[in-house]
Amino acid sequence: MQVMIRWKLRPDEVDRELELLRAVYEELASVQPDGVRYATFQLEDKVTFMSLVDLATGPELLQQLKVFQRYRTNLDDRCDEPPVMTFLHELGAYRFH
């Protein structure tokens, strides 16, 4: 399953977001769960973020991580525009994998 998630933070929440995301990626690097590819990008406006997620075994893998649970707990409260998930259907890729 491949998804894109896009959300827009309140400007005063950007530093907190970056801190929480660092913790998520530190945990992913430590645990190294199989079947997960995850990347987050901060867009040019500095308040919009986008994640690309490839979960071979489903979203449960991420949701089991305590640090991800902590990250996700108040995300909607930190946003001007809440996360929107879009399922992706790959048509082709060059050196993306």
Foldseek 3Di string as FASTA:
>chain_A
DKKKKKFFFDVVCLVVLVVLVVVLVVVCVVVVDPQWDKDKDQDPVRGMMMMIIGGPPDPVVQVVDPSSCVSPVCQVVRGPGGMDMDDDDDPDDDPPD
